[in-house]
C-alpha atoms as a PDB file:
ATOM      1  CA  UNK A   1    -171.504   0.861  27.668  1.00  0.00           C
ATOM      2  CA  UNK A   2    -175.239   0.754  27.044  1.00  0.00           C
ATOM      3  CA  UNK A   3    -177.065   3.879  28.130  1.00  0.00           C
ATOM      4  CA  UNK A   4    -179.785   3.505  30.723  1.00  0.00           C
ATOM      5  CA  UNK A   5    -182.671   5.970  30.936  1.00  0.00           C
ATOM      6  CA  UNK A   6    -180.919   8.023  33.612  1.00  0.00           C
ATOM      7  CA  UNK A   7    -177.651   8.127  31.636  1.00  0.00           C
ATOM      8  CA  UNK A   8    -179.482   9.304  28.521  1.00  0.00           C
ATOM      9  CA  UNK A   9    -181.221  12.017  30.532  1.00  0.00           C
ATOM     10  CA  UNK A  10    -177.890  13.060  32.030  1.00  0.00           C
ATOM     11  CA  UNK A  11    -176.316  13.473  28.603  1.00  0.00           C
ATOM     12  CA  UNK A  12    -179.347  15.312  27.240  1.00  0.00           C
ATOM     13  CA  UNK A  13    -179.339  17.715  30.183  1.00  0.00           C
ATOM     14  CA  UNK A  14    -175.705  18.722  29.731  1.00  0.00           C
ATOM     15  CA  UNK A  15    -176.003  19.006  25.968  1.00  0.00           C
ATOM     16  CA  UNK A  16    -178.893  21.415  26.443  1.00  0.00           C
ATOM     17  CA  UNK A  17    -177.324  23.445  29.254  1.00  0.00           C
ATOM     18  CA  UNK A  18    -173.635  23.389  28.275  1.00  0.00           C
ATOM     19  CA  UNK A  19    -173.593  27.013  27.137  1.00  0.00           C
ATOM     20  CA  UNK A  20    -174.948  28.112  30.529  1.00  0.00           C
ATOM     21  CA  UNK A  21    -173.062  25.583  32.655  1.00  0.00           C
ATOM     22  CA  UNK A  22    -170.530  27.964  34.183  1.00  0.00           C
ATOM     23  CA  UNK A  23    -173.187  30.521  35.019  1.00  0.00           C
ATOM     24  CA  UNK A  24    -175.309  27.851  36.700  1.00  0.00           C
ATOM     25  CA  UNK A  25    -172.681  25.759  38.445  1.00  0.00           C
ATOM     26  CA  UNK A  26    -169.354  27.609  38.784  1.00  0.00           C
ATOM     27  CA  UNK A  27    -169.091  30.299  41.440  1.00  0.00           C
ATOM     28  CA  UNK A  28    -166.160  32.058  43.068  1.00  0.00           C
ATOM     29  CA  UNK A  29    -165.338  30.545  46.463  1.00  0.00           C
ATOM     30  CA  UNK A  30    -167.820  27.693  46.083  1.00  0.00           C
ATOM     31  CA  UNK A  31    -166.987  24.252  47.458  1.00  0.00           C
ATOM     32  CA  UNK A  32    -164.990  23.102  44.434  1.00  0.00           C
ATOM     33  CA  UNK A  33    -163.011  26.340  44.254  1.00  0.00           C
ATOM     34  CA  UNK A  34    -162.115  25.835  47.908  1.00  0.00           C
ATOM     35  CA  UNK A  35    -161.097  22.266  47.111  1.00  0.00           C
ATOM     36  CA  UNK A  36    -158.949  23.489  44.219  1.00  0.00           C
ATOM     37  CA  UNK A  37    -157.036  25.873  46.460  1.00  0.00           C
ATOM     38  CA  UNK A  38    -156.207  22.980  48.769  1.00  0.00           C
ATOM     39  CA  UNK A  39    -155.130  20.834  45.824  1.00  0.00           C
ATOM     40  CA  UNK A  40    -152.883  23.587  44.493  1.00  0.00           C
ATOM     41  CA  UNK A  41    -151.042  23.802  47.793  1.00  0.00           C
ATOM     42  CA  UNK A  42    -150.559  20.039  47.836  1.00  0.00           C
ATOM     43  CA  UNK A  43    -149.409  19.932  44.207  1.00  0.00           C
ATOM     44  CA  UNK A  44    -146.819  22.646  44.802  1.00  0.00           C
ATOM     45  CA  UNK A  45    -145.599  21.096  48.046  1.00  0.00           C
ATOM     46  CA  UNK A  46    -145.248  17.641  46.487  1.00  0.00           C
ATOM     47  CA  UNK A  47    -143.863  19.026  43.210  1.00  0.00           C
ATOM     48  CA  UNK A  48    -146.429  17.122  41.177  1.00  0.00           C
ATOM     49  CA  UNK A  49    -145.872  17.292  37.432  1.00  0.00           C
ATOM     50  CA  UNK A  50    -148.726  15.263  35.901  1.00  0.00           C
ATOM     51  CA  UNK A  51    -152.473  15.131  36.478  1.00  0.00           C
ATOM     52  CA  UNK A  52    -155.618  13.535  35.082  1.00  0.00           C
ATOM     53  CA  UNK A  53    -158.900  15.304  35.781  1.00  0.00           C
ATOM     54  CA  UNK A  54    -161.880  12.969  35.412  1.00  0.00           C
ATOM     55  CA  UNK A  55    -165.032  14.752  34.317  1.00  0.00           C
ATOM     56  CA  UNK A  56    -163.197  17.857  33.147  1.00  0.00           C
ATOM     57  CA  UNK A  57    -166.404  19.632  32.171  1.00  0.00           C
ATOM     58  CA  UNK A  58    -165.704  23.185  31.025  1.00  0.00           C
ATOM     59  CA  UNK A  59    -162.109  22.991  32.231  1.00  0.00           C
ATOM     60  CA  UNK A  60    -162.302  24.768  35.557  1.00  0.00           C
ATOM     61  CA  UNK A  61    -159.864  22.600  37.526  1.00  0.00           C
ATOM     62  CA  UNK A  62    -157.174  22.268  34.867  1.00  0.00           C
ATOM     63  CA  UNK A  63    -157.280  25.948  33.931  1.00  0.00           C
ATOM     64  CA  UNK A  64    -156.900  26.937  37.576  1.00  0.00           C
ATOM     65  CA  UNK A  65    -153.937  24.635  38.148  1.00  0.00           C
ATOM     66  CA  UNK A  66    -152.247  25.629  34.879  1.00  0.00           C
ATOM     67  CA  UNK A  67    -152.352  29.262  35.934  1.00  0.00           C
ATOM     68  CA  UNK A  68    -150.078  28.506  38.891  1.00  0.00           C
ATOM     69  CA  UNK A  69    -148.180  25.514  37.467  1.00  0.00           C
ATOM     70  CA  UNK A  70    -147.574  26.475  33.812  1.00  0.00           C
ATOM     71  CA  UNK A  71    -145.504  23.384  33.008  1.00  0.00           C
ATOM     72  CA  UNK A  72    -148.072  20.952  34.405  1.00  0.00           C
ATOM     73  CA  UNK A  73    -148.449  17.867  32.210  1.00  0.00           C
ATOM     74  CA  UNK A  74    -152.228  17.728  32.249  1.00  0.00           C
ATOM     75  CA  UNK A  75    -154.902  15.538  30.734  1.00  0.00           C
ATOM     76  CA  UNK A  76    -158.652  15.616  31.085  1.00  0.00           C
ATOM     77  CA  UNK A  77    -161.459  13.282  30.131  1.00  0.00           C
ATOM     78  CA  UNK A  78    -165.072  14.345  29.626  1.00  0.00           C
ATOM     79  CA  UNK A  79    -168.197  12.408  28.679  1.00  0.00           C
ATOM     80  CA  UNK A  80    -170.127  15.312  27.130  1.00  0.00           C
ATOM     81  CA  UNK A  81    -168.659  16.740  23.886  1.00  0.00           C
ATOM     82  CA  UNK A  82    -170.454  20.063  24.349  1.00  0.00           C
ATOM     83  CA  UNK A  83    -168.777  20.636  27.721  1.00  0.00           C
ATOM     84  CA  UNK A  84    -165.401  19.642  26.284  1.00  0.00           C
ATOM     85  CA  UNK A  85    -165.861  22.174  23.480  1.00  0.00           C
ATOM     86  CA  UNK A  86    -166.220  24.960  26.033  1.00  0.00           C
ATOM     87  CA  UNK A  87    -163.046  23.816  27.809  1.00  0.00           C
ATOM     88  CA  UNK A  88    -161.204  23.984  24.490  1.00  0.00           C
ATOM     89  CA  UNK A  89    -162.609  27.440  23.765  1.00  0.00           C
ATOM     90  CA  UNK A  90    -161.065  28.556  27.059  1.00  0.00           C
ATOM     91  CA  UNK A  91    -157.622  27.481  25.917  1.00  0.00           C
ATOM     92  CA  UNK A  92    -157.119  23.846  26.904  1.00  0.00           C
ATOM     93  CA  UNK A  93    -155.227  21.759  24.364  1.00  0.00           C
ATOM     94  CA  UNK A  94    -157.576  19.536  22.283  1.00  0.00           C
ATOM     95  CA  UNK A  95    -154.910  16.818  22.238  1.00  0.00           C
ATOM     96  CA  UNK A  96    -154.993  16.689  26.031  1.00  0.00           C
ATOM     97  CA  UNK A  97    -158.771  16.599  26.609  1.00  0.00           C
ATOM     98  CA  UNK A  98    -160.290  13.250  25.680  1.00  0.00           C
ATOM     99  CA  UNK A  99    -163.891  12.181  25.207  1.00  0.00           C
ATOM    100  CA  UNK A 100    -164.561   9.187  27.411  1.00  0.00           C
ATOM    101  CA  UNK A 101    -166.217   7.542  30.385  1.00  0.00           C
ATOM    102  CA  UNK A 102    -164.750   7.620  33.887  1.00  0.00           C
ATOM    103  CA  UNK A 103    -165.917   4.048  34.390  1.00  0.00           C
ATOM    104  CA  UNK A 104    -163.429   2.847  31.780  1.00  0.00           C
ATOM    105  CA  UNK A 105    -160.432   5.148  31.567  1.00  0.00           C
ATOM    106  CA  UNK A 106    -158.363   4.594  28.383  1.00  0.00           C
ATOM    107  CA  UNK A 107    -155.004   4.918  30.128  1.00  0.00           C
ATOM    108  CA  UNK A 108    -152.366   2.513  31.377  1.00  0.00           C
ATOM    109  CA  UNK A 109    -151.871   1.770  35.064  1.00  0.00           C
ATOM    110  CA  UNK A 110    -149.970   4.427  37.032  1.00  0.00           C
ATOM    111  CA  UNK A 111    -150.082   6.917  34.137  1.00  0.00           C
ATOM    112  CA  UNK A 112    -150.551  10.074  36.225  1.00  0.00           C
ATOM    113  CA  UNK A 113    -149.072  11.255  39.497  1.00  0.00           C
ATOM    114  CA  UNK A 114    -152.448  12.480  40.727  1.00  0.00           C
ATOM    115  CA  UNK A 115    -155.998  11.840  39.507  1.00  0.00           C
ATOM    116  CA  UNK A 116    -158.819  14.203  40.457  1.00  0.00           C
ATOM    117  CA  UNK A 117    -162.598  14.506  40.218  1.00  0.00           C
ATOM    118  CA  UNK A 118    -164.605  17.593  41.144  1.00  0.00           C
ATOM    119  CA  UNK A 119    -168.364  17.205  41.530  1.00  0.00           C
ATOM    120  CA  UNK A 120    -168.404  14.162  39.269  1.00  0.00           C
ATOM    121  CA  UNK A 121    -169.170  11.093  41.357  1.00  0.00           C
ATOM    122  CA  UNK A 122    -172.686  12.112  42.397  1.00  0.00           C
ATOM    123  CA  UNK A 123    -173.564  12.071  38.684  1.00  0.00           C
ATOM    124  CA  UNK A 124    -172.380   8.486  38.217  1.00  0.00           C
ATOM    125  CA  UNK A 125    -174.549   5.427  38.727  1.00  0.00           C
ATOM    126  CA  UNK A 126    -171.344   3.465  39.424  1.00  0.00           C
ATOM    127  CA  UNK A 127    -169.135   5.780  41.509  1.00  0.00           C
ATOM    128  CA  UNK A 128    -167.206   2.832  42.914  1.00  0.00           C
ATOM    129  CA  UNK A 129    -166.141   1.837  39.403  1.00  0.00           C
ATOM    130  CA  UNK A 130    -164.986   5.375  38.634  1.00  0.00           C
ATOM    131  CA  UNK A 131    -162.960   5.467  41.849  1.00  0.00           C
ATOM    132  CA  UNK A 132    -161.370   2.093  41.095  1.00  0.00           C
ATOM    133  CA  UNK A 133    -160.326   3.358  37.674  1.00  0.00           C
ATOM    134  CA  UNK A 134    -158.924   6.545  39.197  1.00  0.00           C
ATOM    135  CA  UNK A 135    -156.891   4.484  41.638  1.00  0.00           C
ATOM    136  CA  UNK A 136    -155.656   2.254  38.836  1.00  0.00           C
ATOM    137  CA  UNK A 137    -154.206   5.052  36.711  1.00  0.00           C
ATOM    138  CA  UNK A 138    -152.830   7.124  39.622  1.00  0.00           C
ATOM    139  CA  UNK A 139    -149.237   6.594  40.718  1.00  0.00           C
ATOM    140  CA  UNK A 140    -149.064   8.911  43.744  1.00  0.00           C
ATOM    141  CA  UNK A 141    -152.411  10.341  44.832  1.00  0.00           C
ATOM    142  CA  UNK A 142    -156.135  10.659  44.267  1.00  0.00           C
ATOM    143  CA  UNK A 143    -158.183  13.743  45.158  1.00  0.00           C
ATOM    144  CA  UNK A 144    -161.987  13.984  45.116  1.00  0.00           C
ATOM    145  CA  UNK A 145    -164.345  16.857  45.902  1.00  0.00           C
ATOM    146  CA  UNK A 146    -168.038  15.974  46.127  1.00  0.00           C
ATOM    147  CA  UNK A 147    -171.238  15.610  48.158  1.00  0.00           C
ATOM    148  CA  UNK A 148    -171.952  14.216  51.584  1.00  0.00           C
ATOM    149  CA  UNK A 149    -175.717  13.724  51.607  1.00  0.00           C
ATOM    150  CA  UNK A 150    -175.714  12.819  55.297  1.00  0.00           C
ATOM    151  CA  UNK A 151    -174.527  16.317  56.188  1.00  0.00           C
ATOM    152  CA  UNK A 152    -176.812  18.137  53.764  1.00  0.00           C
ATOM    153  CA  UNK A 153    -180.049  19.844  54.815  1.00  0.00           C
ATOM    154  CA  UNK A 154    -181.728  20.782  58.061  1.00  0.00           C
ATOM    155  CA  UNK A 155    -180.882  19.140  61.353  1.00  0.00           C
ATOM    156  CA  UNK A 156    -183.986  16.969  60.950  1.00  0.00           C
ATOM    157  CA  UNK A 157    -183.236  15.830  57.393  1.00  0.00           C
ATOM    158  CA  UNK A 158    -179.585  15.167  58.195  1.00  0.00           C
ATOM    159  CA  UNK A 159    -180.556  12.999  61.147  1.00  0.00           C
ATOM    160  CA  UNK A 160    -183.234  11.213  59.126  1.00  0.00           C
ATOM    161  CA  UNK A 161    -180.789  10.333  56.339  1.00  0.00           C
ATOM    162  CA  UNK A 162    -178.211   9.099  58.823  1.00  0.00           C
ATOM    163  CA  UNK A 163    -180.824   6.851  60.451  1.00  0.00           C
ATOM    164  CA  UNK A 164    -182.000   5.525  57.079  1.00  0.00           C
ATOM    165  CA  UNK A 165    -178.386   4.764  56.142  1.00  0.00           C
ATOM    166  CA  UNK A 166    -177.777   2.859  59.377  1.00  0.00           C
ATOM    167  CA  UNK A 167    -180.983   0.826  58.997  1.00  0.00           C
ATOM    168  CA  UNK A 168    -181.139   0.077  55.270  1.00  0.00           C
ATOM    169  CA  UNK A 169    -177.562   0.289  54.030  1.00  0.00           C
ATOM    170  CA  UNK A 170    -176.294   2.137  50.995  1.00  0.00           C
ATOM    171  CA  UNK A 171    -178.525   0.592  48.327  1.00  0.00           C
ATOM    172  CA  UNK A 172    -181.634   0.923  50.452  1.00  0.00           C
ATOM    173  CA  UNK A 173    -180.816   4.539  51.247  1.00  0.00           C
ATOM    174  CA  UNK A 174    -180.423   5.430  47.584  1.00  0.00           C
ATOM    175  CA  UNK A 175    -183.802   3.914  46.761  1.00  0.00           C
ATOM    176  CA  UNK A 176    -185.630   5.469  49.705  1.00  0.00           C
ATOM    177  CA  UNK A 177    -184.211   8.954  49.142  1.00  0.00           C
ATOM    178  CA  UNK A 178    -185.257   8.873  45.474  1.00  0.00           C
ATOM    179  CA  UNK A 179    -188.692   7.353  46.122  1.00  0.00           C
ATOM    180  CA  UNK A 180    -187.455   4.107  44.554  1.00  0.00           C
ATOM    181  CA  UNK A 181    -186.554   5.770  41.254  1.00  0.00           C
ATOM    182  CA  UNK A 182    -182.842   5.407  41.966  1.00  0.00           C
ATOM    183  CA  UNK A 183    -181.857   8.923  40.939  1.00  0.00           C
ATOM    184  CA  UNK A 184    -182.944  12.564  41.011  1.00  0.00           C
ATOM    185  CA  UNK A 185    -183.727  14.672  37.940  1.00  0.00           C
ATOM    186  CA  UNK A 186    -183.667  18.440  38.473  1.00  0.00           C
ATOM    187  CA  UNK A 187    -183.434  21.646  36.457  1.00  0.00           C
ATOM    188  CA  UNK A 188    -180.387  22.849  38.404  1.00  0.00           C
ATOM    189  CA  UNK A 189    -178.162  19.752  38.389  1.00  0.00           C
ATOM    190  CA  UNK A 190    -179.603  17.321  35.885  1.00  0.00           C
ATOM    191  CA  UNK A 191    -179.426  13.666  36.864  1.00  0.00           C
ATOM    192  CA  UNK A 192    -177.665  12.905  40.122  1.00  0.00           C
ATOM    193  CA  UNK A 193    -177.681  10.166  42.727  1.00  0.00           C
ATOM    194  CA  UNK A 194    -177.738  10.215  46.526  1.00  0.00           C
ATOM    195  CA  UNK A 195    -174.025  10.208  47.226  1.00  0.00           C
ATOM    196  CA  UNK A 196    -171.544  10.683  50.030  1.00  0.00           C
ATOM    197  CA  UNK A 197    -167.775  10.504  49.821  1.00  0.00           C
ATOM    198  CA  UNK A 198    -167.917   8.770  53.184  1.00  0.00           C
ATOM    199  CA  UNK A 199    -169.505   5.760  51.476  1.00  0.00           C
ATOM    200  CA  UNK A 200    -166.405   5.235  49.314  1.00  0.00           C
ATOM    201  CA  UNK A 201    -163.856   5.801  52.076  1.00  0.00           C
ATOM    202  CA  UNK A 202    -163.513   2.044  52.736  1.00  0.00           C
ATOM    203  CA  UNK A 203    -162.671   1.556  49.054  1.00  0.00           C
ATOM    204  CA  UNK A 204    -160.134   4.376  49.115  1.00  0.00           C
ATOM    205  CA  UNK A 205    -158.515   3.036  52.260  1.00  0.00           C
ATOM    206  CA  UNK A 206    -157.833  -0.312  50.585  1.00  0.00           C
ATOM    207  CA  UNK A 207    -155.523   1.284  48.016  1.00  0.00           C
ATOM    208  CA  UNK A 208    -154.425   4.556  49.569  1.00  0.00           C
ATOM    209  CA  UNK A 209    -153.583   6.257  52.814  1.00  0.00           C
ATOM    210  CA  UNK A 210    -156.134   8.944  53.607  1.00  0.00           C
ATOM    211  CA  UNK A 211    -154.150  12.108  54.278  1.00  0.00           C
ATOM    212  CA  UNK A 212    -156.987  14.618  54.422  1.00  0.00           C
ATOM    213  CA  UNK A 213    -160.761  14.835  54.784  1.00  0.00           C
ATOM    214  CA  UNK A 214    -162.007  18.405  54.954  1.00  0.00           C
ATOM    215  CA  UNK A 215    -165.244  20.363  54.684  1.00  0.00           C
ATOM    216  CA  UNK A 216    -165.207  22.556  51.595  1.00  0.00           C
ATOM    217  CA  UNK A 217    -168.429  24.416  52.375  1.00  0.00           C
ATOM    218  CA  UNK A 218    -168.601  25.955  55.821  1.00  0.00           C
ATOM    219  CA  UNK A 219    -167.431  24.813  59.215  1.00  0.00           C
ATOM    220  CA  UNK A 220    -168.377  21.417  60.598  1.00  0.00           C
ATOM    221  CA  UNK A 221    -167.530  19.965  63.981  1.00  0.00           C
ATOM    222  CA  UNK A 222    -168.474  16.491  62.759  1.00  0.00           C
ATOM    223  CA  UNK A 223    -167.831  16.007  59.041  1.00  0.00           C
ATOM    224  CA  UNK A 224    -170.139  13.034  58.502  1.00  0.00           C
ATOM    225  CA  UNK A 225    -173.066  14.604  60.330  1.00  0.00           C
ATOM    226  CA  UNK A 226    -172.646  18.270  59.414  1.00  0.00           C
ATOM    227  CA  UNK A 227    -170.531  18.845  56.269  1.00  0.00           C
ATOM    228  CA  UNK A 228    -172.541  18.948  53.032  1.00  0.00           C
ATOM    229  CA  UNK A 229    -169.462  18.944  50.790  1.00  0.00           C
ATOM    230  CA  UNK A 230    -166.051  17.441  51.485  1.00  0.00           C
ATOM    231  CA  UNK A 231    -162.732  16.793  49.797  1.00  0.00           C
ATOM    232  CA  UNK A 232    -160.655  13.656  50.307  1.00  0.00           C
ATOM    233  CA  UNK A 233    -156.967  13.175  49.534  1.00  0.00           C
ATOM    234  CA  UNK A 234    -155.488   9.701  49.430  1.00  0.00           C
ATOM    235  CA  UNK A 235    -151.847   8.869  48.763  1.00  0.00           C
ATOM    236  CA  UNK A 236    -151.379   5.671  46.802  1.00  0.00           C
ATOM    237  CA  UNK A 237    -150.142   2.548  48.528  1.00  0.00           C
ATOM    238  CA  UNK A 238    -148.699   0.409  45.730  1.00  0.00           C
ATOM    239  CA  UNK A 239    -148.695  -2.743  47.833  1.00  0.00           C
ATOM    240  CA  UNK A 240    -152.431  -2.419  48.488  1.00  0.00           C
ATOM    241  CA  UNK A 241    -153.152  -1.749  44.795  1.00  0.00           C
ATOM    242  CA  UNK A 242    -151.596  -5.073  43.873  1.00  0.00           C
ATOM    243  CA  UNK A 243    -153.705  -7.139  46.264  1.00  0.00           C
END
């Protein structure tokens, strides 16, 4: 796929910050760690034996799951070689961690019982494509932990974003929130896009049964309006996938 300006900046950012990535982005009991604990319980309960982690990064998710499920048949895919190298240095098998793009997964349909993504989709300019690929290669479930921009910020900014979304739709909201640039570029998270897991729920519901939507960062009485980070678990409906 041809790199756009934002994709090139994304790759450059992670190449330059890879050695400090864990220090900057990985924290005990943060939203993705909370999401991992939930996933572990589900994996043990359902006796899952195979997993693909999309956007493996420095290996956090797979290393955590392997600690509790030693015989897990795991595979990861990562776009940035420098991040993959760190995952390998931590002990992940080089033969099981591929270099590749989540928008075009190099695996056959139904290859993995569960497919996961932690903090990945808000970095993609085509999150819907990534999700469709995840659904394609998953045989039993899909699990995603990521942003909900409509529940992020002060009461005023949350309300403002929800109003903008209702008036201008998804594409309009993304442009307005980025001052018509289409994406954000920051020192702390590189290139990312205005994103909410709630915006892909209709897509997930077409091919899976939503079993869980939960806040992974603090309590929220209303997930859409108040939760800044959420996790979604969908169990695959094979009949819907074939439509």
